[in-house]
C-alpha atoms as a PDB file:
ATOM      1  CA  MET A   1      32.205-103.939  -8.146  1.00  0.00           C
ATOM      2  CA  GLY A   2      34.428-105.324 -10.848  1.00  0.00           C
ATOM      3  CA  ASN A   3      37.350-103.221  -9.281  1.00  0.00           C
ATOM      4  CA  MET A   4      37.460-104.749  -5.937  1.00  0.00           C
ATOM      5  CA  LEU A   5      36.472-108.222  -7.823  1.00  0.00           C
ATOM      6  CA  LEU A   6      39.371-108.037  -9.129  1.00  0.00           C
ATOM      7  CA  ARG A   7      41.887-106.697  -6.955  1.00  0.00           C
ATOM      8  CA  LYS A   8      40.114-109.937  -4.329  1.00  0.00           C
ATOM      9  CA  VAL A   9      41.337-112.573  -7.197  1.00  0.00           C
ATOM     10  CA  LEU A  10      44.959-110.719  -7.557  1.00  0.00           C
ATOM     11  CA  ARG A  11      45.302-111.031  -3.864  1.00  0.00           C
ATOM     12  CA  LEU A  12      44.908-114.583  -3.767  1.00  0.00           C
ATOM     13  CA  LEU A  13      46.266-115.180  -7.156  1.00  0.00           C
ATOM     14  CA  SER A  14      49.862-113.052  -5.843  1.00  0.00           C
ATOM     15  CA  ALA A  15      49.508-115.136  -2.747  1.00  0.00           C
ATOM     16  CA  PHE A  16      48.949-118.542  -4.253  1.00  0.00           C
ATOM     17  CA  ASN A  17      51.911-117.605  -6.724  1.00  0.00           C
ATOM     18  CA  GLU A  18      54.774-115.570  -4.329  1.00  0.00           C
ATOM     19  CA  TRP A  19      54.033-119.365  -1.983  1.00  0.00           C
ATOM     20  CA  ALA A  20      54.522-121.770  -5.285  1.00  0.00           C
ATOM     21  CA  GLY A  21      56.889-119.948  -6.646  1.00  0.00           C
ATOM     22  CA  ILE A  22      59.048-120.195  -3.838  1.00  0.00           C
ATOM     23  CA  ALA A  23      58.343-123.386  -2.856  1.00  0.00           C
ATOM     24  CA  MET A  24      59.623-124.413  -6.347  1.00  0.00           C
ATOM     25  CA  ARG A  25      62.721-122.651  -6.509  1.00  0.00           C
ATOM     26  CA  ASN A  26      63.692-124.445  -3.248  1.00  0.00           C
ATOM     27  CA  SER A  27      63.117-127.652  -5.082  1.00  0.00           C
ATOM     28  CA  ALA A  28      64.827-127.093  -7.947  1.00  0.00           C
ATOM     29  CA  GLY A  29      67.431-125.669  -5.409  1.00  0.00           C
ATOM     30  CA  ILE A  30      67.557-129.062  -3.305  1.00  0.00           C
ATOM     31  CA  LEU A  31      67.966-131.014  -6.878  1.00  0.00           C
ATOM     32  CA  LEU A  32      70.651-129.074  -7.861  1.00  0.00           C
ATOM     33  CA  VAL A  33      72.239-130.445  -4.866  1.00  0.00           C
ATOM     34  CA  ALA A  34      70.989-134.082  -5.231  1.00  0.00           C
ATOM     35  CA  MET A  35      72.277-133.741  -8.662  1.00  0.00           C
ATOM     36  CA  THR A  36      75.907-132.422  -7.341  1.00  0.00           C
ATOM     37  CA  VAL A  37      75.894-135.389  -5.334  1.00  0.00           C
ATOM     38  CA  ILE A  38      74.965-137.882  -7.512  1.00  0.00           C
ATOM     39  CA  VAL A  39      77.107-137.061 -10.286  1.00  0.00           C
ATOM     40  CA  LEU A  40      80.270-136.650  -7.581  1.00  0.00           C
ATOM     41  CA  LEU A  41      79.111-140.288  -6.224  1.00  0.00           C
ATOM     42  CA  GLN A  42      79.337-141.423 -10.152  1.00  0.00           C
ATOM     43  CA  ILE A  43      83.221-140.242 -10.619  1.00  0.00           C
ATOM     44  CA  VAL A  44      84.020-141.895  -6.878  1.00  0.00           C
ATOM     45  CA  PHE A  45      82.631-145.007  -8.112  1.00  0.00           C
ATOM     46  CA  ARG A  46      84.059-145.296 -11.551  1.00  0.00           C
ATOM     47  CA  TYR A  47      87.821-143.438 -10.948  1.00  0.00           C
ATOM     48  CA  VAL A  48      88.093-144.732  -7.477  1.00  0.00           C
ATOM     49  CA  LEU A  49      86.509-148.177  -6.836  1.00  0.00           C
ATOM     50  CA  ASN A  50      86.667-148.847 -10.563  1.00  0.00           C
ATOM     51  CA  ASP A  51      83.192-149.681 -11.001  1.00  0.00           C
ATOM     52  CA  SER A  52      80.230-147.670 -12.505  1.00  0.00           C
ATOM     53  CA  LEU A  53      77.090-146.823 -11.588  1.00  0.00           C
ATOM     54  CA  ILE A  54      74.684-147.035 -14.101  1.00  0.00           C
ATOM     55  CA  TRP A  55      71.100-145.096 -13.185  1.00  0.00           C
ATOM     56  CA  THR A  56      73.316-141.757 -11.922  1.00  0.00           C
ATOM     57  CA  GLU A  57      73.571-139.892 -15.700  1.00  0.00           C
ATOM     58  CA  GLU A  58      70.171-140.764 -16.385  1.00  0.00           C
ATOM     59  CA  VAL A  59      68.810-139.598 -12.894  1.00  0.00           C
ATOM     60  CA  SER A  60      71.248-136.297 -13.083  1.00  0.00           C
ATOM     61  CA  LYS A  61      70.066-135.513 -16.456  1.00  0.00           C
ATOM     62  CA  THR A  62      66.569-135.497 -15.096  1.00  0.00           C
ATOM     63  CA  MET A  63      67.102-133.900 -12.514  1.00  0.00           C
ATOM     64  CA  MET A  64      69.095-131.165 -13.905  1.00  0.00           C
ATOM     65  CA  VAL A  65      65.485-130.582 -15.967  1.00  0.00           C
ATOM     66  CA  TRP A  66      63.361-130.855 -13.389  1.00  0.00           C
ATOM     67  CA  GLY A  67      65.098-127.601 -12.176  1.00  0.00           C
ATOM     68  CA  ALA A  68      64.766-126.182 -15.117  1.00  0.00           C
ATOM     69  CA  PHE A  69      61.139-126.458 -15.481  1.00  0.00           C
ATOM     70  CA  LEU A  70      59.983-125.959 -11.554  1.00  0.00           C
ATOM     71  CA  ILE A  71      62.490-122.702 -11.584  1.00  0.00           C
ATOM     72  CA  ALA A  72      60.328-121.405 -14.465  1.00  0.00           C
ATOM     73  CA  PRO A  73      57.955-120.047 -12.797  1.00  0.00           C
ATOM     74  CA  TRP A  74      59.416-117.824 -10.019  1.00  0.00           C
ATOM     75  CA  ALA A  75      62.050-116.404 -12.938  1.00  0.00           C
ATOM     76  CA  TYR A  76      58.409-115.642 -15.256  1.00  0.00           C
ATOM     77  CA  ARG A  77      56.902-113.758 -12.345  1.00  0.00           C
ATOM     78  CA  ASN A  78      60.235-111.793 -11.012  1.00  0.00           C
ATOM     79  CA  GLY A  79      61.271-110.859 -14.149  1.00  0.00           C
ATOM     80  CA  ALA A  80      64.068-112.842 -14.255  1.00  0.00           C
ATOM     81  CA  ASN A  81      64.395-114.044 -17.914  1.00  0.00           C
ATOM     82  CA  VAL A  82      66.761-112.553 -20.456  1.00  0.00           C
ATOM     83  CA  SER A  83      65.508-109.576 -22.047  1.00  0.00           C
ATOM     84  CA  ILE A  84      66.105-106.524 -24.191  1.00  0.00           C
ATOM     85  CA  THR A  85      65.270-102.953 -23.286  1.00  0.00           C
ATOM     86  CA  MET A  86      67.268-101.118 -25.438  1.00  0.00           C
ATOM     87  CA  PHE A  87      63.842 -99.539 -27.715  1.00  0.00           C
ATOM     88  CA  VAL A  88      61.274-100.149 -25.273  1.00  0.00           C
ATOM     89  CA  ASP A  89      62.742 -98.068 -22.560  1.00  0.00           C
ATOM     90  CA  GLU A  90      62.504 -94.688 -25.263  1.00  0.00           C
ATOM     91  CA  LEU A  91      58.950 -95.434 -25.150  1.00  0.00           C
ATOM     92  CA  PRO A  92      56.279 -93.433 -23.053  1.00  0.00           C
ATOM     93  CA  LEU A  93      55.152 -95.351 -19.966  1.00  0.00           C
ATOM     94  CA  THR A  94      51.445 -96.079 -21.081  1.00  0.00           C
ATOM     95  CA  LEU A  95      52.310 -97.615 -24.370  1.00  0.00           C
ATOM     96  CA  ARG A  96      55.428 -99.454 -22.583  1.00  0.00           C
ATOM     97  CA  ARG A  97      52.781-100.981 -20.138  1.00  0.00           C
ATOM     98  CA  LEU A  98      50.126-101.751 -23.053  1.00  0.00           C
ATOM     99  CA  LEU A  99      53.319-103.439 -24.604  1.00  0.00           C
ATOM    100  CA  ARG A 100      53.595-105.276 -21.720  1.00  0.00           C
ATOM    101  CA  LEU A 101      50.006-106.573 -21.699  1.00  0.00           C
ATOM    102  CA  ALA A 102      50.382-107.441 -25.369  1.00  0.00           C
ATOM    103  CA  LEU A 103      53.248-109.388 -24.500  1.00  0.00           C
ATOM    104  CA  ASN A 104      51.704-110.905 -21.590  1.00  0.00           C
ATOM    105  CA  LEU A 105      49.081-111.924 -23.508  1.00  0.00           C
ATOM    106  CA  LEU A 106      51.152-113.746 -26.161  1.00  0.00           C
ATOM    107  CA  VAL A 107      53.105-115.942 -23.214  1.00  0.00           C
ATOM    108  CA  ILE A 108      49.582-117.087 -21.928  1.00  0.00           C
ATOM    109  CA  TRP A 109      48.674-118.425 -24.964  1.00  0.00           C
ATOM    110  CA  ILE A 110      52.013-119.848 -25.852  1.00  0.00           C
ATOM    111  CA  ILE A 111      52.193-121.649 -22.343  1.00  0.00           C
ATOM    112  CA  VAL A 112      48.029-122.657 -22.726  1.00  0.00           C
ATOM    113  CA  VAL A 113      49.032-124.135 -25.734  1.00  0.00           C
ATOM    114  CA  PHE A 114      52.244-126.122 -23.750  1.00  0.00           C
ATOM    115  CA  TRP A 115      50.851-127.073 -21.040  1.00  0.00           C
ATOM    116  CA  LEU A 116      47.573-128.648 -23.317  1.00  0.00           C
ATOM    117  CA  GLU A 117      50.333-130.923 -25.366  1.00  0.00           C
ATOM    118  CA  SER A 118      51.994-131.629 -21.989  1.00  0.00           C
ATOM    119  CA  PHE A 119      49.337-134.173 -20.680  1.00  0.00           C
ATOM    120  CA  GLY A 120      49.745-135.930 -24.047  1.00  0.00           C
ATOM    121  CA  MET A 121      53.765-135.893 -23.521  1.00  0.00           C
ATOM    122  CA  VAL A 122      53.742-137.439 -19.769  1.00  0.00           C
ATOM    123  CA  ASP A 123      50.404-139.972 -21.248  1.00  0.00           C
ATOM    124  CA  ARG A 124      53.032-141.142 -24.193  1.00  0.00           C
ATOM    125  CA  GLY A 125      55.422-141.231 -21.178  1.00  0.00           C
ATOM    126  CA  PHE A 126      54.011-144.265 -19.135  1.00  0.00           C
ATOM    127  CA  LEU A 127      54.375-146.552 -21.795  1.00  0.00           C
ATOM    128  CA  ILE A 128      58.432-146.147 -22.480  1.00  0.00           C
ATOM    129  CA  ARG A 129      60.471-147.389 -19.629  1.00  0.00           C
ATOM    130  CA  THR A 130      63.522-145.825 -18.395  1.00  0.00           C
ATOM    131  CA  ALA A 131      66.797-147.593 -19.912  1.00  0.00           C
ATOM    132  CA  SER A 132      68.799-147.887 -16.226  1.00  0.00           C
ATOM    133  CA  LEU A 133      65.689-147.726 -13.899  1.00  0.00           C
ATOM    134  CA  PRO A 134      62.473-149.993 -13.842  1.00  0.00           C
ATOM    135  CA  ILE A 135      60.615-147.328 -13.752  1.00  0.00           C
ATOM    136  CA  GLN A 136      58.067-145.625 -16.714  1.00  0.00           C
ATOM    137  CA  VAL A 137      59.247-142.039 -18.235  1.00  0.00           C
ATOM    138  CA  GLY A 138      56.344-140.485 -17.751  1.00  0.00           C
ATOM    139  CA  TRP A 139      56.706-140.141 -14.054  1.00  0.00           C
ATOM    140  CA  PHE A 140      60.310-137.830 -15.466  1.00  0.00           C
ATOM    141  CA  PHE A 141      57.269-136.334 -17.718  1.00  0.00           C
ATOM    142  CA  ILE A 142      55.220-134.770 -14.757  1.00  0.00           C
ATOM    143  CA  VAL A 143      57.064-131.845 -13.768  1.00  0.00           C
ATOM    144  CA  ILE A 144      56.421-130.428 -17.363  1.00  0.00           C
ATOM    145  CA  PRO A 145      52.670-129.714 -16.918  1.00  0.00           C
ATOM    146  CA  LEU A 146      53.133-128.756 -12.688  1.00  0.00           C
ATOM    147  CA  ALA A 147      55.559-125.937 -14.510  1.00  0.00           C
ATOM    148  CA  PHE A 148      53.449-124.469 -17.276  1.00  0.00           C
ATOM    149  CA  GLY A 149      49.896-124.848 -15.378  1.00  0.00           C
ATOM    150  CA  THR A 150      51.876-122.676 -12.143  1.00  0.00           C
ATOM    151  CA  MET A 151      53.513-120.356 -15.437  1.00  0.00           C
ATOM    152  CA  LEU A 152      49.656-120.523 -16.642  1.00  0.00           C
ATOM    153  CA  LEU A 153      48.578-118.607 -12.944  1.00  0.00           C
ATOM    154  CA  VAL A 154      51.421-116.435 -12.825  1.00  0.00           C
ATOM    155  CA  GLY A 155      50.916-114.887 -16.286  1.00  0.00           C
ATOM    156  CA  VAL A 156      47.615-114.799 -14.936  1.00  0.00           C
ATOM    157  CA  GLU A 157      48.500-112.727 -12.268  1.00  0.00           C
ATOM    158  CA  LEU A 158      50.857-110.539 -14.506  1.00  0.00           C
ATOM    159  CA  PHE A 159      48.044-110.042 -17.260  1.00  0.00           C
ATOM    160  CA  ILE A 160      45.269-108.602 -13.969  1.00  0.00           C
ATOM    161  CA  ARG A 161      48.286-106.408 -12.638  1.00  0.00           C
ATOM    162  CA  ASP A 162      48.908-104.979 -16.015  1.00  0.00           C
ATOM    163  CA  VAL A 163      45.118-103.984 -16.478  1.00  0.00           C
ATOM    164  CA  LEU A 164      45.223-102.559 -13.257  1.00  0.00           C
ATOM    165  CA  ALA A 165      48.656-100.419 -14.447  1.00  0.00           C
ATOM    166  CA  LEU A 166      46.284 -99.202 -17.085  1.00  0.00           C
ATOM    167  CA  LEU A 167      43.421 -98.520 -15.357  1.00  0.00           C
ATOM    168  CA  TYR A 168      44.803 -96.770 -12.254  1.00  0.00           C
ATOM    169  CA  PRO A 169      48.034 -95.764 -13.182  1.00  0.00           C
ATOM    170  CA  LYS A 170      48.879 -93.476 -10.051  1.00  0.00           C
ATOM    171  CA  GLU A 171      48.920 -96.779  -8.203  1.00  0.00           C
ATOM    172  CA  ASP A 172      51.800 -99.387  -7.953  1.00  0.00           C
ATOM    173  CA  PHE A 173      50.752-102.694  -9.132  1.00  0.00           C
ATOM    174  CA  GLU A 174      54.182-104.313  -9.555  1.00  0.00           C
ATOM    175  CA  ILE A 175      55.457-107.229  -7.365  1.00  0.00           C
ATOM    176  CA  ALA A 176      58.067-106.139  -4.676  1.00  0.00           C
ATOM    177  CA  GLY A 177      61.186-107.008  -5.509  1.00  0.00           C
ATOM    178  CA  ALA A 178      60.643-107.933  -8.905  1.00  0.00           C
ATOM    179  CA  ILE A 179      62.905-106.664 -11.519  1.00  0.00           C
ATOM    180  CA  ARG A 180      60.772-104.906 -14.187  1.00  0.00           C
ATOM    181  CA  ILE A 181      61.921-104.045 -17.441  1.00  0.00           C
ATOM    182  CA  MET A 182      59.333-101.739 -18.717  1.00  0.00           C
ATOM    183  CA  GLU A 183      58.588 -99.640 -15.637  1.00  0.00           C
ATOM    184  CA  GLY A 184      60.690 -96.155 -15.207  1.00  0.00           C
ATOM    185  CA  ASP A 185      60.693 -92.854 -16.381  1.00  0.00           C
END
């Protein structure tokens, strides 16, 4: 009974995380293009028209930060973060899976702490106005709880996958196309 429920939760969570990860990754790509256009626009205004747009630096920096936060859940889910596996690769498969489970629990705990703290940051941001635009900084900070909330869902999905991989070692619970650093043999 618990096995079927866990698998159903995994299917639903996996479908949502895949959709959200792709949407956020693509949004980060669009922000990168927009940021490039804004920086080029500033260069044209400054060096060709001998004028300066005061808002371009703040907006392009915000887009860069948003892009980093938006791509983070996709990177976490797909194993695209930097990792050193020299010692882990030598461990037996069961021990590697246990280590991955423990690391995912640690990451979930860290994400929960950051996610909860991010709400206060957003609230405080609404008390501050931006230097070059007539809006509150809190609007720039909105991406932080969104990204950490999505990363939390990814962490739960990875945790469920780790538990199922330990319970049913002959079955494959890996994300198709994801880079898995602890699997193999």
